[in-house]
Every structure is written in structure tokens, then in C-alpha cells.
């Protein structure tokens, strides 16, 4: 049982990173963005959501792929989207953050885009021998 979980360690670590990032106040995030122009682009609200949850979805899908699970894309998508929703609920309880359906939508778009790429790059290649 523990052997199968080793493939999910990167996704567990990245989930922790997302949780830490979700706990940062928006004032601190604005301060980070002002350091350099590139940080304003990298740490924009929507790019963090889109790429953060996209990467998380790929890490979860990779774990399912390595454990030879079925319905990899569906399972990884559900886990990633539900985690994104729960992060938004968590932020709703923080006095310096708030719940946003737009953020949930951007999370979902990032998950869908990343899993589509994962399907083309990993699963389709494996299934069709390309």
C-alpha cells in the first residue's frame, strides 16, 4: 500500500505549497509583485490559479498513471478541482482573504488544460504506441 503512495509524494508536497500560498495575505502578495516586473506577471492572481492547479492536476495524474489506475483523467480532474474548491472555502474563513467563484473557475480551466496536455503527451502516446 505504501509503495503506491510514493508516486503521489510530489502532488502532496505541491498541495502543501498551494495551501501555504493560499494562506498569504493579499497585501504580502502585492509586495512580492512589486519586487520586479517579471514577478507581476508570474504572480498575477489568475496565472497562479491556472498554472498552480494545472501543475497539481498533472502531478496527481502522474501518480494515478504510475499506479496503473483506471480513469486517470477523471480521477485527477476531480481530485484537483475539489482541492481548488476547498482552498477557496478555506480562504473564505480567513479574515484577509475571500471565497471567489472566478478563482474556482480559473482553477478548473487550469486543471482541464493541463489534463488535456497530459492526455495527449502521456496517455495517447502510451495507448496508441506513438
N, C-alpha and C. Protein backbone atom coordinates (compact mmCIF):
# COMPACT_ATOMS: atom_id res chain seq x y z
N UNK A 1 0.83 -1.20 0.00
CA UNK A 1 0.00 0.00 0.00
C UNK A 1 0.87 1.26 0.00
N UNK A 2 1.90 1.27 0.81
CA UNK A 2 2.77 2.44 0.90
C UNK A 2 3.55 2.64 -0.40
N UNK A 3 3.83 1.55 -1.12
CA UNK A 3 4.56 1.63 -2.38
C UNK A 3 3.81 2.49 -3.40
N UNK A 4 2.49 2.35 -3.45
CA UNK A 4 1.70 3.10 -4.41
C UNK A 4 1.67 4.59 -4.06
N UNK A 5 1.73 4.92 -2.80
CA UNK A 5 1.66 6.32 -2.39
C UNK A 5 2.92 7.10 -2.72
N UNK A 6 4.03 6.42 -2.96
CA UNK A 6 5.27 7.14 -3.26
C UNK A 6 5.15 7.95 -4.55
N UNK A 7 4.31 7.51 -5.46
CA UNK A 7 4.13 8.24 -6.71
C UNK A 7 3.32 9.53 -6.52
N UNK A 8 2.64 9.63 -5.40
CA UNK A 8 1.84 10.82 -5.12
C UNK A 8 2.57 11.84 -4.25
N UNK A 9 3.77 11.52 -3.80
CA UNK A 9 4.52 12.43 -2.93
C UNK A 9 4.70 13.81 -3.57
N UNK A 10 5.06 13.92 -4.86
CA UNK A 10 5.16 15.27 -5.44
C UNK A 10 3.84 16.05 -5.38
N UNK A 11 2.72 15.36 -5.59
CA UNK A 11 1.44 16.06 -5.52
C UNK A 11 1.10 16.47 -4.08
N UNK A 12 1.46 15.64 -3.11
CA UNK A 12 1.25 16.01 -1.71
C UNK A 12 2.07 17.25 -1.35
N UNK A 13 3.32 17.28 -1.78
CA UNK A 13 4.19 18.42 -1.50
C UNK A 13 3.68 19.69 -2.19
N UNK A 14 3.24 19.53 -3.42
CA UNK A 14 2.73 20.70 -4.15
C UNK A 14 1.42 21.19 -3.54
N UNK A 15 0.59 20.26 -3.03
CA UNK A 15 -0.64 20.66 -2.35
C UNK A 15 -0.30 21.49 -1.11
N UNK A 16 0.74 21.10 -0.40
CA UNK A 16 1.19 21.88 0.75
C UNK A 16 1.66 23.27 0.33
N UNK A 17 2.35 23.35 -0.78
CA UNK A 17 2.79 24.64 -1.30
C UNK A 17 1.60 25.53 -1.68
N UNK A 18 0.59 24.94 -2.29
CA UNK A 18 -0.62 25.68 -2.62
C UNK A 18 -1.30 26.18 -1.36
N UNK A 19 -1.38 25.33 -0.34
CA UNK A 19 -2.00 25.74 0.92
C UNK A 19 -1.26 26.90 1.56
N UNK A 20 0.06 26.84 1.55
CA UNK A 20 0.86 27.94 2.10
C UNK A 20 0.61 29.22 1.29
N UNK A 21 0.61 29.09 -0.03
CA UNK A 21 0.35 30.26 -0.88
C UNK A 21 -1.04 30.83 -0.68
N UNK A 22 -2.00 29.96 -0.44
CA UNK A 22 -3.37 30.42 -0.22
C UNK A 22 -3.52 31.12 1.12
N UNK A 23 -2.59 30.89 2.01
CA UNK A 23 -2.65 31.49 3.34
C UNK A 23 -1.96 32.86 3.41
N UNK A 24 -1.24 33.23 2.36
CA UNK A 24 -0.55 34.52 2.33
C UNK A 24 -1.58 35.63 2.13
N UNK A 25 -1.42 36.70 2.86
CA UNK A 25 -2.35 37.82 2.70
C UNK A 25 -2.16 38.48 1.35
N UNK A 26 -3.19 39.10 0.84
CA UNK A 26 -3.09 39.75 -0.46
C UNK A 26 -2.11 40.93 -0.41
N UNK A 27 -1.97 41.55 0.75
CA UNK A 27 -1.01 42.65 0.89
C UNK A 27 0.42 42.14 0.68
N UNK A 28 0.74 40.98 1.25
CA UNK A 28 2.07 40.40 1.06
C UNK A 28 2.29 39.99 -0.40
N UNK A 29 1.25 39.49 -1.02
CA UNK A 29 1.36 39.10 -2.43
C UNK A 29 1.62 40.33 -3.30
N UNK A 30 0.97 41.44 -3.00
CA UNK A 30 1.22 42.69 -3.74
C UNK A 30 2.66 43.16 -3.52
N UNK A 31 3.17 42.98 -2.34
CA UNK A 31 4.55 43.36 -2.04
C UNK A 31 5.54 42.52 -2.87
N UNK A 32 5.27 41.24 -3.00
CA UNK A 32 6.12 40.37 -3.81
C UNK A 32 6.07 40.80 -5.28
N UNK A 33 4.90 41.15 -5.76
CA UNK A 33 4.74 41.55 -7.16
C UNK A 33 5.52 42.82 -7.49
N UNK A 34 5.72 43.68 -6.51
CA UNK A 34 6.41 44.95 -6.75
C UNK A 34 7.92 44.81 -6.81
N UNK A 35 8.47 43.65 -6.50
CA UNK A 35 9.92 43.46 -6.50
C UNK A 35 10.49 43.66 -7.90
N UNK A 36 9.86 43.05 -8.88
CA UNK A 36 10.36 43.14 -10.26
C UNK A 36 9.18 42.95 -11.20
N UNK A 37 9.30 43.47 -12.39
CA UNK A 37 8.24 43.38 -13.39
C UNK A 37 7.85 41.93 -13.70
N UNK A 38 8.84 41.04 -13.75
CA UNK A 38 8.55 39.64 -14.06
C UNK A 38 7.69 39.00 -12.97
N UNK A 39 7.87 39.44 -11.72
CA UNK A 39 7.06 38.90 -10.63
C UNK A 39 5.60 39.32 -10.77
N UNK A 40 5.36 40.49 -11.36
CA UNK A 40 3.98 40.92 -11.56
C UNK A 40 3.26 39.99 -12.52
N UNK A 41 3.98 39.51 -13.51
CA UNK A 41 3.40 38.58 -14.47
C UNK A 41 3.27 37.18 -13.87
N UNK A 42 4.35 36.69 -13.26
CA UNK A 42 4.35 35.34 -12.70
C UNK A 42 3.37 35.19 -11.54
N UNK A 43 3.27 36.21 -10.73
CA UNK A 43 2.44 36.13 -9.53
C UNK A 43 1.12 36.86 -9.68
N UNK A 44 0.65 37.00 -10.92
CA UNK A 44 -0.69 37.57 -11.08
C UNK A 44 -1.69 36.55 -10.55
N UNK A 45 -2.79 37.05 -10.10
CA UNK A 45 -3.77 36.19 -9.43
C UNK A 45 -4.21 35.02 -10.32
N UNK A 46 -4.51 35.30 -11.57
CA UNK A 46 -5.05 34.26 -12.43
C UNK A 46 -3.98 33.29 -12.93
N UNK A 47 -2.76 33.77 -13.14
CA UNK A 47 -1.72 32.84 -13.56
C UNK A 47 -1.37 31.87 -12.44
N UNK A 48 -1.38 32.36 -11.20
CA UNK A 48 -1.13 31.46 -10.06
C UNK A 48 -2.18 30.36 -9.98
N UNK A 49 -3.44 30.75 -10.15
CA UNK A 49 -4.52 29.76 -10.09
C UNK A 49 -4.44 28.79 -11.26
N UNK A 50 -4.33 29.32 -12.46
CA UNK A 50 -4.35 28.48 -13.67
C UNK A 50 -3.18 27.49 -13.68
N UNK A 51 -1.97 28.01 -13.55
CA UNK A 51 -0.80 27.14 -13.64
C UNK A 51 -0.58 26.32 -12.37
N UNK A 52 -0.91 26.89 -11.22
CA UNK A 52 -0.74 26.15 -9.96
C UNK A 52 -1.60 24.90 -9.92
N UNK A 53 -2.88 25.05 -10.24
CA UNK A 53 -3.75 23.88 -10.20
C UNK A 53 -3.56 22.99 -11.41
N UNK A 54 -3.07 23.55 -12.51
CA UNK A 54 -2.72 22.72 -13.66
C UNK A 54 -1.56 21.79 -13.33
N UNK A 55 -0.53 22.35 -12.71
CA UNK A 55 0.62 21.53 -12.30
C UNK A 55 0.19 20.49 -11.28
N UNK A 56 -0.65 20.89 -10.34
CA UNK A 56 -1.14 19.95 -9.33
C UNK A 56 -1.89 18.79 -10.00
N UNK A 57 -2.73 19.12 -10.98
CA UNK A 57 -3.50 18.08 -11.68
C UNK A 57 -2.59 17.09 -12.40
N UNK A 58 -1.54 17.60 -13.03
CA UNK A 58 -0.60 16.72 -13.73
C UNK A 58 0.14 15.83 -12.73
N UNK A 59 0.50 16.38 -11.58
CA UNK A 59 1.18 15.56 -10.56
C UNK A 59 0.27 14.46 -10.03
N UNK A 60 -1.00 14.78 -9.84
CA UNK A 60 -1.96 13.77 -9.39
C UNK A 60 -2.17 12.73 -10.49
N UNK A 61 -2.31 13.18 -11.72
CA UNK A 61 -2.49 12.25 -12.84
C UNK A 61 -1.27 11.33 -12.98
N UNK A 62 -0.09 11.88 -12.78
CA UNK A 62 1.13 11.08 -12.87
C UNK A 62 1.12 9.98 -11.79
N UNK A 63 0.67 10.33 -10.60
CA UNK A 63 0.56 9.34 -9.54
C UNK A 63 -0.39 8.22 -9.90
N UNK A 64 -1.55 8.57 -10.46
CA UNK A 64 -2.50 7.55 -10.89
C UNK A 64 -1.94 6.73 -12.06
N UNK A 65 -1.25 7.38 -12.95
CA UNK A 65 -0.65 6.69 -14.10
C UNK A 65 0.38 5.66 -13.63
N UNK A 66 1.24 6.06 -12.71
CA UNK A 66 2.29 5.16 -12.22
C UNK A 66 1.72 3.99 -11.41
N UNK A 67 0.56 4.18 -10.78
CA UNK A 67 -0.06 3.09 -10.02
C UNK A 67 -1.00 2.26 -10.89
N UNK A 68 -1.01 2.59 -12.17
CA UNK A 68 -1.83 1.87 -13.15
C UNK A 68 -3.32 1.89 -12.79
N UNK A 69 -3.78 3.03 -12.36
CA UNK A 69 -5.19 3.20 -12.02
C UNK A 69 -6.01 3.37 -13.29
N UNK A 70 -7.30 3.17 -13.16
CA UNK A 70 -8.20 3.39 -14.27
C UNK A 70 -8.79 4.80 -14.16
N UNK A 71 -9.31 5.30 -15.24
CA UNK A 71 -9.93 6.64 -15.30
C UNK A 71 -8.99 7.72 -14.74
N UNK A 72 -7.78 7.73 -15.23
CA UNK A 72 -6.76 8.65 -14.71
C UNK A 72 -7.19 10.09 -14.82
N UNK A 73 -7.66 10.49 -15.99
CA UNK A 73 -8.02 11.89 -16.23
C UNK A 73 -9.20 12.31 -15.37
N UNK A 74 -10.20 11.47 -15.28
CA UNK A 74 -11.39 11.81 -14.48
C UNK A 74 -11.03 11.91 -13.00
N UNK A 75 -10.29 10.94 -12.51
CA UNK A 75 -9.92 10.95 -11.09
C UNK A 75 -9.03 12.14 -10.75
N UNK A 76 -8.02 12.38 -11.57
CA UNK A 76 -7.12 13.51 -11.32
C UNK A 76 -7.87 14.83 -11.42
N UNK A 77 -8.78 14.92 -12.37
CA UNK A 77 -9.57 16.14 -12.52
C UNK A 77 -10.46 16.40 -11.32
N UNK A 78 -11.12 15.36 -10.84
CA UNK A 78 -11.99 15.52 -9.66
C UNK A 78 -11.19 15.89 -8.41
N UNK A 79 -10.09 15.20 -8.19
CA UNK A 79 -9.27 15.49 -7.02
C UNK A 79 -8.76 16.93 -7.08
N UNK A 80 -8.26 17.33 -8.22
CA UNK A 80 -7.68 18.67 -8.37
C UNK A 80 -8.74 19.76 -8.25
N UNK A 81 -9.87 19.56 -8.91
CA UNK A 81 -10.92 20.57 -8.84
C UNK A 81 -11.48 20.68 -7.43
N UNK A 82 -11.71 19.55 -6.78
CA UNK A 82 -12.23 19.58 -5.40
C UNK A 82 -11.23 20.24 -4.45
N UNK A 83 -9.95 20.00 -4.66
CA UNK A 83 -8.94 20.65 -3.84
C UNK A 83 -8.97 22.16 -4.06
N UNK A 84 -9.10 22.58 -5.30
CA UNK A 84 -9.20 24.01 -5.60
C UNK A 84 -10.42 24.64 -4.93
N UNK A 85 -11.55 23.93 -4.97
CA UNK A 85 -12.76 24.44 -4.32
C UNK A 85 -12.56 24.53 -2.81
N UNK A 86 -11.96 23.50 -2.23
CA UNK A 86 -11.73 23.51 -0.78
C UNK A 86 -10.75 24.62 -0.36
N UNK A 87 -9.77 24.90 -1.20
CA UNK A 87 -8.85 26.01 -0.92
C UNK A 87 -9.63 27.33 -0.89
N UNK A 88 -10.55 27.50 -1.82
CA UNK A 88 -11.36 28.73 -1.84
C UNK A 88 -12.26 28.81 -0.60
N UNK A 89 -12.82 27.70 -0.18
CA UNK A 89 -13.63 27.68 1.04
C UNK A 89 -12.76 28.05 2.24
N UNK A 90 -11.57 27.49 2.30
CA UNK A 90 -10.61 27.81 3.37
C UNK A 90 -10.31 29.31 3.38
N UNK A 91 -10.09 29.89 2.20
CA UNK A 91 -9.81 31.32 2.14
C UNK A 91 -11.00 32.15 2.58
N UNK A 92 -12.19 31.62 2.41
CA UNK A 92 -13.38 32.33 2.88
C UNK A 92 -13.41 32.50 4.38
N UNK A 93 -12.74 31.63 5.10
CA UNK A 93 -12.69 31.72 6.56
C UNK A 93 -11.55 32.61 7.06
N UNK A 94 -10.64 32.97 6.19
CA UNK A 94 -9.54 33.86 6.58
C UNK A 94 -10.02 35.31 6.52
N UNK A 95 -9.66 36.09 7.52
CA UNK A 95 -10.13 37.47 7.56
C UNK A 95 -9.53 38.34 6.45
N UNK A 96 -8.39 37.96 5.93
CA UNK A 96 -7.70 38.76 4.93
C UNK A 96 -7.81 38.19 3.52
N UNK A 97 -8.61 37.15 3.32
CA UNK A 97 -8.87 36.56 2.00
C UNK A 97 -10.36 36.37 1.85
N UNK A 98 -10.81 35.99 0.65
CA UNK A 98 -12.23 35.72 0.47
C UNK A 98 -12.44 34.62 -0.57
N UNK A 99 -13.64 34.05 -0.55
CA UNK A 99 -14.04 33.00 -1.47
C UNK A 99 -14.39 33.65 -2.80
N UNK A 100 -13.97 33.02 -3.91
CA UNK A 100 -14.25 33.58 -5.23
C UNK A 100 -14.58 32.47 -6.22
N UNK A 101 -15.77 32.56 -6.82
CA UNK A 101 -16.14 31.59 -7.85
C UNK A 101 -15.31 31.78 -9.11
N UNK A 102 -14.85 32.99 -9.35
CA UNK A 102 -13.97 33.23 -10.51
C UNK A 102 -12.68 32.45 -10.33
N UNK A 103 -12.13 32.47 -9.12
CA UNK A 103 -10.90 31.71 -8.85
C UNK A 103 -11.13 30.22 -9.04
N UNK A 104 -12.28 29.73 -8.59
CA UNK A 104 -12.61 28.31 -8.77
C UNK A 104 -12.69 27.98 -10.27
N UNK A 105 -13.27 28.89 -11.05
CA UNK A 105 -13.37 28.69 -12.50
C UNK A 105 -11.99 28.66 -13.15
N UNK A 106 -11.11 29.57 -12.74
CA UNK A 106 -9.75 29.60 -13.30
C UNK A 106 -8.99 28.34 -12.88
N UNK A 107 -9.19 27.89 -11.65
CA UNK A 107 -8.59 26.62 -11.21
C UNK A 107 -9.04 25.49 -12.12
N UNK A 108 -10.34 25.42 -12.37
CA UNK A 108 -10.90 24.37 -13.21
C UNK A 108 -10.39 24.43 -14.64
N UNK A 109 -10.23 25.64 -15.17
CA UNK A 109 -9.69 25.79 -16.52
C UNK A 109 -8.24 25.31 -16.57
N UNK A 110 -7.47 25.63 -15.55
CA UNK A 110 -6.08 25.17 -15.49
C UNK A 110 -5.99 23.66 -15.40
N UNK A 111 -6.87 23.07 -14.59
CA UNK A 111 -6.91 21.61 -14.45
C UNK A 111 -7.27 20.97 -15.80
N UNK A 112 -8.30 21.49 -16.45
CA UNK A 112 -8.74 20.92 -17.72
C UNK A 112 -7.65 21.04 -18.79
N UNK A 113 -7.02 22.19 -18.89
CA UNK A 113 -5.98 22.39 -19.90
C UNK A 113 -4.78 21.48 -19.64
N UNK A 114 -4.37 21.39 -18.41
CA UNK A 114 -3.21 20.56 -18.07
C UNK A 114 -3.49 19.08 -18.30
N UNK A 115 -4.70 18.64 -17.95
CA UNK A 115 -5.02 17.23 -18.14
C UNK A 115 -5.21 16.90 -19.62
N UNK A 116 -5.63 17.85 -20.41
CA UNK A 116 -5.70 17.65 -21.86
C UNK A 116 -4.30 17.45 -22.43
N UNK A 117 -3.37 18.27 -21.99
CA UNK A 117 -1.98 18.12 -22.42
C UNK A 117 -1.43 16.78 -21.92
N UNK A 118 -1.72 16.43 -20.68
CA UNK A 118 -1.26 15.14 -20.13
C UNK A 118 -1.81 13.98 -20.96
N UNK A 119 -3.07 14.08 -21.34
CA UNK A 119 -3.68 13.02 -22.14
C UNK A 119 -2.95 12.87 -23.48
N UNK A 120 -2.70 14.00 -24.16
CA UNK A 120 -2.02 13.93 -25.45
C UNK A 120 -0.58 13.47 -25.33
N UNK A 121 0.13 13.97 -24.34
CA UNK A 121 1.56 13.69 -24.23
C UNK A 121 1.84 12.31 -23.64
N UNK A 122 1.10 11.92 -22.61
CA UNK A 122 1.42 10.67 -21.90
C UNK A 122 0.47 9.54 -22.28
N UNK A 123 -0.81 9.72 -22.11
CA UNK A 123 -1.75 8.61 -22.29
C UNK A 123 -1.94 8.21 -23.74
N UNK A 124 -2.12 9.18 -24.61
CA UNK A 124 -2.34 8.85 -26.02
C UNK A 124 -1.09 8.17 -26.59
N UNK A 125 0.05 8.67 -26.22
CA UNK A 125 1.32 8.07 -26.67
C UNK A 125 1.42 6.63 -26.16
N UNK A 126 1.06 6.42 -24.90
CA UNK A 126 1.15 5.07 -24.31
C UNK A 126 0.09 4.14 -24.89
N UNK A 127 -1.15 4.63 -25.04
CA UNK A 127 -2.23 3.78 -25.50
C UNK A 127 -2.08 3.39 -26.98
N UNK A 128 -1.64 4.33 -27.80
CA UNK A 128 -1.57 4.08 -29.24
C UNK A 128 -0.16 3.79 -29.73
N UNK A 129 0.79 3.71 -28.83
CA UNK A 129 2.15 3.36 -29.19
C UNK A 129 2.83 4.39 -30.07
N UNK A 130 2.48 5.64 -29.92
CA UNK A 130 3.09 6.71 -30.74
C UNK A 130 4.43 7.11 -30.22
